[in-house]
Amino acid sequence: MKMEDGSVGPSEDWFGDDFKNEYNAMAQDFKILRRNNKRRVLPNSRELVWNWNSRNPPEIIPEHNDPSRIDWTEIPSPAPAVITGQEVLRIPEQSRPKYKLSWPWQNGWLNERDYDDKNMLFNDFFTILSESIKKQLGLKRKKDWSQYSCVFIIPDLYEKVIVSTVLRELLVDFGFQKVCFIQESLAATFGAGYSSSCIVDVGAQKTSICCVDEGMCAENSRINLKYGGEDITQTFIKMMLFDRFNYSDMNLMRRYDYLLAEELKQKYCTLSDEHISVQLNDFHLRAPNQNTRKYSFKVYDEGMLAALVRARSFIQVYHS
């Protein structure tokens, strides 16, 4: 949010007092924890990060000098009505025509919140399945699908109405010979060669838990927590921006910024405190129709605190 004069104000105020107070309290508790574990703690670690990040602008690299430049998705002519798969995230923001990015599957189930029309939701969902079969399995012609049967994995917590809709689509429109449904925890258990286990699935948008006993899901043990790796990404980027991250324009609603944030999380988030110190790192920002920018930045405890926030929330909810 911008101030009346058009400025964005100090980064410490961007996310409100609740975030600021919680983050500062966690950072202080983390220092105490490291001292108790006989880890070296510099008293001015946060200030070192702030000073470096706020004073070092990016280095501009012309596109022809960037050996790892990205091949952005080219829109063919005539432009297709629908594009699916990973290439969607590489469509330039100013593409012609512009495409709306839709996620019909979120938090481990159909995304009814972002769709006003349920028929459109199912249409998008089955379009993704159909295009995946054509691209990933190489079955280009739909008439060949009648030679195959399908094992369809469903969540541990499922709705019978949606399962029946999927069954009808797979048999009638896709034309499979036979269809078998199996719950995801059962599939993981059998795939690992066990008959009884406790399955914890940590995904991008949900964390599910289910206990399997002799090939049956225990109903009272099934839990779907609506957060996962993407929430760690958001928390990590908020903490970085709070600490005056020199790419202050990062916006996770932009596709290339979202992919960059995921890359930074994978590199710098950890639960091993022996790796925590004030470190100098760099990354390359690649955006369509722009020169590559190389940022050098420092990071301290943000990677571990972001992971700890979600781990602590998960434990609290599970115990409750």
Protein backbone atom coordinates (compact mmCIF):
# COMPACT_ATOMS: atom_id res chain seq x y z
CA MET A 1 0.00 0.00 0.00
CA LYS A 2 1.34 3.41 -0.99
CA MET A 3 1.42 6.54 1.14
CA GLU A 4 -0.33 9.76 0.07
CA ASP A 5 2.89 11.07 -1.51
CA GLY A 6 3.22 7.91 -3.65
CA SER A 7 5.95 6.28 -1.55
CA VAL A 8 5.59 2.84 -0.04
CA GLY A 9 6.99 3.76 3.37
CA PRO A 10 9.52 1.77 5.40
CA SER A 11 9.47 -1.99 4.83
CA GLU A 12 8.95 -2.61 8.54
CA ASP A 13 5.38 -1.25 8.18
CA TRP A 14 4.37 -3.07 4.99
CA PHE A 15 2.64 -6.06 6.59
CA GLY A 16 1.13 -4.52 9.72
CA ASP A 17 1.98 -4.54 13.40
CA ASP A 18 0.93 -8.15 14.00
CA PHE A 19 3.44 -9.49 11.50
CA LYS A 20 6.12 -7.11 12.74
CA ASN A 21 5.69 -8.06 16.40
CA GLU A 22 5.47 -11.79 15.70
CA TYR A 23 8.54 -11.76 13.45
CA ASN A 24 10.62 -9.77 15.94
CA ALA A 25 9.55 -12.07 18.79
CA MET A 26 10.48 -15.17 16.78
CA ALA A 27 13.86 -13.67 15.87
CA GLN A 28 14.57 -12.96 19.54
CA ASP A 29 13.54 -16.48 20.60
CA PHE A 30 15.74 -17.89 17.85
CA LYS A 31 18.77 -16.01 19.19
CA ILE A 32 18.15 -17.46 22.65
CA LEU A 33 17.82 -20.94 21.17
CA ARG A 34 21.11 -20.61 19.29
CA ARG A 35 22.93 -19.42 22.41
CA ASN A 36 21.55 -22.39 24.35
CA ASN A 37 22.86 -24.67 21.58
CA LYS A 38 26.31 -23.05 21.84
CA ARG A 39 25.97 -21.41 18.42
CA ARG A 40 27.73 -18.17 17.66
CA VAL A 41 25.30 -15.22 17.52
CA LEU A 42 26.34 -11.80 16.25
CA PRO A 43 24.41 -9.04 18.05
CA ASN A 44 24.01 -6.96 14.87
CA SER A 45 23.18 -9.72 12.35
CA ARG A 46 19.88 -8.14 11.31
CA GLU A 47 21.51 -4.74 10.83
CA LEU A 48 24.20 -6.25 8.58
CA VAL A 49 21.47 -7.71 6.37
CA TRP A 50 19.51 -4.45 6.28
CA ASN A 51 22.52 -2.31 5.41
CA TRP A 52 23.70 -4.55 2.57
CA ASN A 53 20.30 -5.14 1.00
CA SER A 54 19.29 -1.47 1.06
CA ARG A 55 22.53 -0.21 -0.52
CA ASN A 56 23.26 -2.63 -3.35
CA PRO A 57 21.35 -2.13 -6.62
CA PRO A 58 21.21 -4.93 -9.21
CA GLU A 59 23.71 -5.48 -12.00
CA ILE A 60 22.17 -5.25 -15.48
CA ILE A 61 23.09 -8.09 -17.84
CA PRO A 62 22.10 -7.74 -21.53
CA GLU A 63 20.03 -10.68 -22.72
CA HIS A 64 22.65 -11.81 -25.26
CA ASN A 65 25.21 -12.11 -22.43
CA ASP A 66 22.95 -14.28 -20.24
CA PRO A 67 23.88 -17.97 -20.80
CA SER A 68 20.82 -19.18 -18.86
CA ARG A 69 18.19 -16.97 -20.44
CA ILE A 70 14.66 -18.33 -20.42
CA ASP A 71 12.73 -19.46 -23.47
CA TRP A 72 9.34 -17.85 -22.89
CA THR A 73 6.23 -19.57 -24.19
CA GLU A 74 5.46 -18.39 -27.70
CA ILE A 75 1.78 -18.02 -28.56
CA PRO A 76 1.16 -19.72 -31.93
CA SER A 77 -1.07 -18.27 -34.60
CA PRO A 78 -3.96 -18.73 -34.41
CA ALA A 79 -3.79 -18.48 -30.61
CA PRO A 80 -5.23 -21.52 -28.80
CA ALA A 81 -8.22 -21.00 -26.53
CA VAL A 82 -6.57 -22.93 -23.69
CA ILE A 83 -2.95 -23.60 -22.66
CA THR A 84 -2.13 -26.11 -19.91
CA GLY A 85 0.95 -27.35 -18.09
CA GLN A 86 4.20 -25.76 -16.99
CA GLU A 87 4.46 -23.59 -20.11
CA VAL A 88 1.56 -21.54 -18.72
CA LEU A 89 3.91 -20.02 -16.12
CA ARG A 90 6.26 -18.89 -18.90
CA ILE A 91 3.68 -16.94 -20.89
CA PRO A 92 4.79 -13.25 -21.02
CA GLU A 93 2.63 -10.90 -18.96
CA GLN A 94 1.93 -8.74 -22.02
CA SER A 95 1.07 -11.61 -24.36
CA ARG A 96 -1.43 -11.13 -27.18
CA PRO A 97 -4.03 -12.32 -26.53
CA LYS A 98 -3.83 -12.10 -22.74
CA TYR A 99 -4.59 -15.28 -20.84
CA LYS A 100 -6.24 -15.61 -17.47
CA LEU A 101 -4.37 -17.98 -15.16
CA SER A 102 -6.76 -20.42 -13.48
CA TRP A 103 -6.12 -23.07 -10.83
CA PRO A 104 -9.06 -25.52 -10.86
CA TRP A 105 -7.24 -27.69 -8.32
CA GLN A 106 -6.22 -26.12 -4.98
CA ASN A 107 -5.62 -27.35 -1.44
CA GLY A 108 -5.92 -30.94 -2.60
CA TRP A 109 -9.38 -30.68 -4.13
CA LEU A 110 -11.50 -28.78 -6.67
CA ASN A 111 -11.22 -25.00 -6.37
CA GLU A 112 -14.89 -24.04 -6.07
CA ARG A 113 -14.02 -20.71 -4.41
CA ASP A 114 -12.63 -19.08 -7.58
CA TYR A 115 -15.31 -20.35 -9.96
CA ASP A 116 -18.87 -19.02 -10.20
CA ASP A 117 -19.93 -21.78 -12.57
CA LYS A 118 -19.38 -25.38 -11.49
CA ASN A 119 -19.61 -26.61 -15.08
CA MET A 120 -16.70 -24.32 -16.02
CA LEU A 121 -14.70 -25.69 -13.10
CA PHE A 122 -15.22 -29.29 -14.22
CA ASN A 123 -14.51 -28.31 -17.83
CA ASP A 124 -11.12 -26.81 -16.88
CA PHE A 125 -10.29 -29.78 -14.67
CA PHE A 126 -11.04 -32.39 -17.33
CA THR A 127 -9.27 -30.30 -19.98
CA ILE A 128 -6.07 -30.45 -17.89
CA LEU A 129 -6.46 -34.23 -17.53
CA SER A 130 -7.07 -34.68 -21.24
CA GLU A 131 -4.12 -32.52 -22.30
CA SER A 132 -1.86 -34.27 -19.78
CA ILE A 133 -2.72 -37.68 -21.24
CA LYS A 134 -1.95 -36.40 -24.73
CA LYS A 135 1.32 -34.64 -23.83
CA GLN A 136 2.77 -36.77 -21.02
CA LEU A 137 1.67 -40.22 -22.17
CA GLY A 138 1.85 -39.56 -25.91
CA LEU A 139 -1.73 -40.75 -26.52
CA LYS A 140 -2.61 -38.09 -29.10
CA ARG A 141 -5.76 -39.71 -30.46
CA LYS A 142 -8.71 -39.98 -28.13
CA LYS A 143 -10.08 -43.01 -29.94
CA ASP A 144 -7.04 -45.00 -28.76
CA TRP A 145 -7.94 -44.45 -25.11
CA SER A 146 -10.56 -47.20 -25.23
CA GLN A 147 -7.68 -49.70 -25.18
CA TYR A 148 -6.66 -48.58 -21.68
CA SER A 149 -8.01 -48.78 -18.14
CA CYS A 150 -7.52 -46.03 -15.54
CA VAL A 151 -6.54 -45.96 -11.86
CA PHE A 152 -7.71 -42.63 -10.45
CA ILE A 153 -6.31 -41.56 -7.06
CA ILE A 154 -8.70 -39.51 -4.92
CA PRO A 155 -8.11 -37.65 -1.64
CA ASP A 156 -8.63 -39.45 1.66
CA LEU A 157 -11.45 -37.00 2.38
CA TYR A 158 -13.62 -37.05 -0.74
CA GLU A 159 -17.13 -36.14 -1.87
CA LYS A 160 -19.15 -38.94 -3.45
CA VAL A 161 -20.91 -36.57 -5.86
CA ILE A 162 -17.62 -35.37 -7.34
CA VAL A 163 -16.26 -38.92 -7.56
CA SER A 164 -19.36 -40.02 -9.47
CA THR A 165 -18.94 -37.07 -11.86
CA VAL A 166 -15.31 -38.05 -12.49
CA LEU A 167 -16.34 -41.68 -13.03
CA ARG A 168 -18.95 -40.73 -15.63
CA GLU A 169 -16.46 -38.46 -17.47
CA LEU A 170 -13.70 -41.10 -17.54
CA LEU A 171 -16.02 -43.81 -18.88
CA VAL A 172 -18.21 -41.79 -21.25
CA ASP A 173 -16.07 -38.93 -22.59
CA PHE A 174 -12.54 -40.30 -22.12
CA GLY A 175 -13.69 -43.80 -23.08
CA PHE A 176 -11.54 -45.91 -20.75
CA GLN A 177 -12.37 -49.62 -20.52
CA LYS A 178 -12.37 -49.74 -16.72
CA VAL A 179 -11.88 -47.23 -13.91
CA CYS A 180 -10.58 -47.94 -10.39
CA PHE A 181 -10.63 -45.39 -7.57
CA ILE A 182 -8.17 -45.59 -4.68
CA GLN A 183 -7.51 -43.15 -1.83
CA GLU A 184 -4.12 -41.44 -1.92
CA SER A 185 -2.89 -42.77 1.44
CA LEU A 186 -3.78 -46.32 0.43
CA ALA A 187 -1.90 -45.85 -2.84
CA ALA A 188 1.18 -44.55 -0.99
CA THR A 189 1.02 -47.42 1.53
CA PHE A 190 0.67 -50.16 -1.08
CA GLY A 191 3.31 -48.52 -3.26
CA ALA A 192 5.78 -48.66 -0.35
CA GLY A 193 4.95 -52.32 0.28
CA TYR A 194 3.20 -51.91 3.64
CA SER A 195 -0.26 -52.83 4.84
CA SER A 196 -0.31 -50.41 7.81
CA SER A 197 1.26 -46.97 8.10
CA CYS A 198 0.73 -43.30 8.92
CA ILE A 199 0.93 -41.18 5.74
CA VAL A 200 1.84 -37.48 5.99
CA ASP A 201 1.67 -35.75 2.60
CA VAL A 202 3.23 -32.26 2.61
CA GLY A 203 2.32 -30.57 -0.64
CA ALA A 204 2.36 -27.05 -2.03
CA GLN A 205 -1.09 -26.06 -0.78
CA LYS A 206 -2.13 -28.68 1.74
CA THR A 207 -0.77 -31.08 4.33
CA SER A 208 -2.80 -34.26 4.73
CA ILE A 209 -2.54 -36.99 7.36
CA CYS A 210 -4.13 -40.42 7.35
CA CYS A 211 -3.51 -43.66 9.24
CA VAL A 212 -3.87 -46.87 7.25
CA ASP A 213 -4.56 -50.13 9.09
CA GLU A 214 -4.54 -53.38 7.14
CA GLY A 215 -5.50 -51.72 3.89
CA MET A 216 -8.21 -49.45 5.33
CA CYS A 217 -8.10 -45.70 6.01
CA ALA A 218 -9.00 -44.96 9.63
CA GLU A 219 -11.81 -42.41 9.23
CA ASN A 220 -11.13 -40.45 12.41
CA SER A 221 -7.46 -40.00 11.51
CA ARG A 222 -8.02 -38.20 8.19
CA ILE A 223 -6.93 -34.55 8.29
CA ASN A 224 -6.44 -32.00 5.52
CA LEU A 225 -4.66 -28.84 6.67
CA LYS A 226 -5.01 -26.05 4.12
CA TYR A 227 -1.39 -24.95 3.99
CA GLY A 228 1.88 -26.28 2.66
CA GLY A 229 4.99 -25.26 0.76
CA GLU A 230 3.44 -22.21 -0.93
CA ASP A 231 2.64 -20.73 2.49
CA ILE A 232 6.30 -21.11 3.46
CA THR A 233 7.18 -19.31 0.22
CA GLN A 234 4.88 -16.40 1.06
CA THR A 235 6.14 -16.15 4.63
CA PHE A 236 9.77 -16.31 3.50
CA ILE A 237 9.30 -13.54 0.92
CA LYS A 238 7.48 -11.36 3.47
CA MET A 239 10.38 -11.75 5.89
CA MET A 240 12.89 -10.97 3.14
CA LEU A 241 11.00 -7.82 2.14
CA PHE A 242 10.70 -6.82 5.80
CA ASP A 243 14.50 -7.05 5.97
CA ARG A 244 14.85 -4.61 3.04
CA PHE A 245 15.31 -7.19 0.30
CA ASN A 246 16.77 -5.23 -2.60
CA TYR A 247 14.25 -6.65 -5.08
CA SER A 248 11.50 -4.73 -3.31
CA ASP A 249 9.08 -4.91 -6.28
CA MET A 250 8.61 -8.69 -5.96
CA ASN A 251 4.97 -9.55 -6.54
CA LEU A 252 3.91 -13.19 -6.21
CA MET A 253 0.93 -12.53 -8.48
CA ARG A 254 3.41 -12.20 -11.37
CA ARG A 255 4.30 -15.58 -12.82
CA TYR A 256 8.05 -15.03 -13.11
CA ASP A 257 8.22 -13.61 -9.58
CA TYR A 258 6.31 -16.63 -8.27
CA LEU A 259 8.79 -19.01 -9.91
CA LEU A 260 11.70 -16.95 -8.55
CA ALA A 261 10.24 -17.06 -5.03
CA GLU A 262 9.93 -20.85 -5.23
CA GLU A 263 13.55 -21.09 -6.33
CA LEU A 264 14.75 -18.89 -3.45
CA LYS A 265 12.77 -20.94 -0.94
CA GLN A 266 14.27 -24.19 -2.16
CA LYS A 267 17.78 -22.77 -1.89
CA TYR A 268 17.66 -20.87 1.41
CA CYS A 269 14.90 -22.32 3.62
CA THR A 270 16.19 -24.89 6.11
CA LEU A 271 15.54 -26.45 9.51
CA SER A 272 19.25 -26.96 10.28
CA ASP A 273 20.46 -24.09 12.44
CA GLU A 274 24.15 -24.92 11.83
CA HIS A 275 23.74 -23.34 8.38
CA ILE A 276 22.38 -20.06 9.77
CA SER A 277 24.74 -17.11 9.43
CA VAL A 278 24.89 -13.81 7.58
CA GLN A 279 25.61 -15.02 4.06
CA LEU A 280 26.06 -13.22 0.76
CA ASN A 281 24.06 -14.77 -2.08
CA ASP A 282 22.86 -13.79 -5.51
CA PHE A 283 20.10 -14.58 -7.97
CA HIS A 284 19.15 -13.60 -11.49
CA LEU A 285 15.81 -11.96 -12.25
CA ARG A 286 14.60 -12.82 -15.73
CA ALA A 287 11.47 -11.11 -17.02
CA PRO A 288 10.05 -11.10 -20.56
CA ASN A 289 11.29 -8.28 -22.81
CA GLN A 290 13.71 -7.04 -20.13
CA ASN A 291 17.42 -7.33 -19.53
CA THR A 292 18.48 -9.84 -16.90
CA ARG A 293 19.19 -8.32 -13.48
CA LYS A 294 21.66 -9.91 -11.09
CA TYR A 295 20.94 -9.16 -7.42
CA SER A 296 23.40 -9.71 -4.58
CA PHE A 297 21.71 -9.94 -1.21
CA LYS A 298 22.32 -11.08 2.33
CA VAL A 299 20.12 -13.40 4.31
CA TYR A 300 20.27 -14.43 7.96
CA ASP A 301 17.53 -16.34 9.78
CA GLU A 302 14.58 -15.74 7.43
CA GLY A 303 14.85 -19.16 5.80
CA MET A 304 14.61 -21.03 9.07
CA LEU A 305 11.98 -18.82 10.72
CA ALA A 306 9.67 -19.10 7.69
CA ALA A 307 9.81 -22.91 7.91
CA LEU A 308 9.39 -22.84 11.70
CA VAL A 309 6.23 -20.72 11.45
CA ARG A 310 4.48 -23.40 9.41
CA ALA A 311 5.92 -26.29 11.39
CA ARG A 312 4.69 -24.73 14.63
CA SER A 313 1.22 -24.09 13.17
CA PHE A 314 1.04 -27.68 11.90
CA ILE A 315 1.92 -29.11 15.34
CA GLN A 316 -0.61 -26.89 17.12
CA VAL A 317 -3.45 -27.83 14.76
CA TYR A 318 -2.60 -31.53 14.83
CA HIS A 319 -2.53 -31.65 18.62
CA SER A 320 -5.84 -29.79 18.86
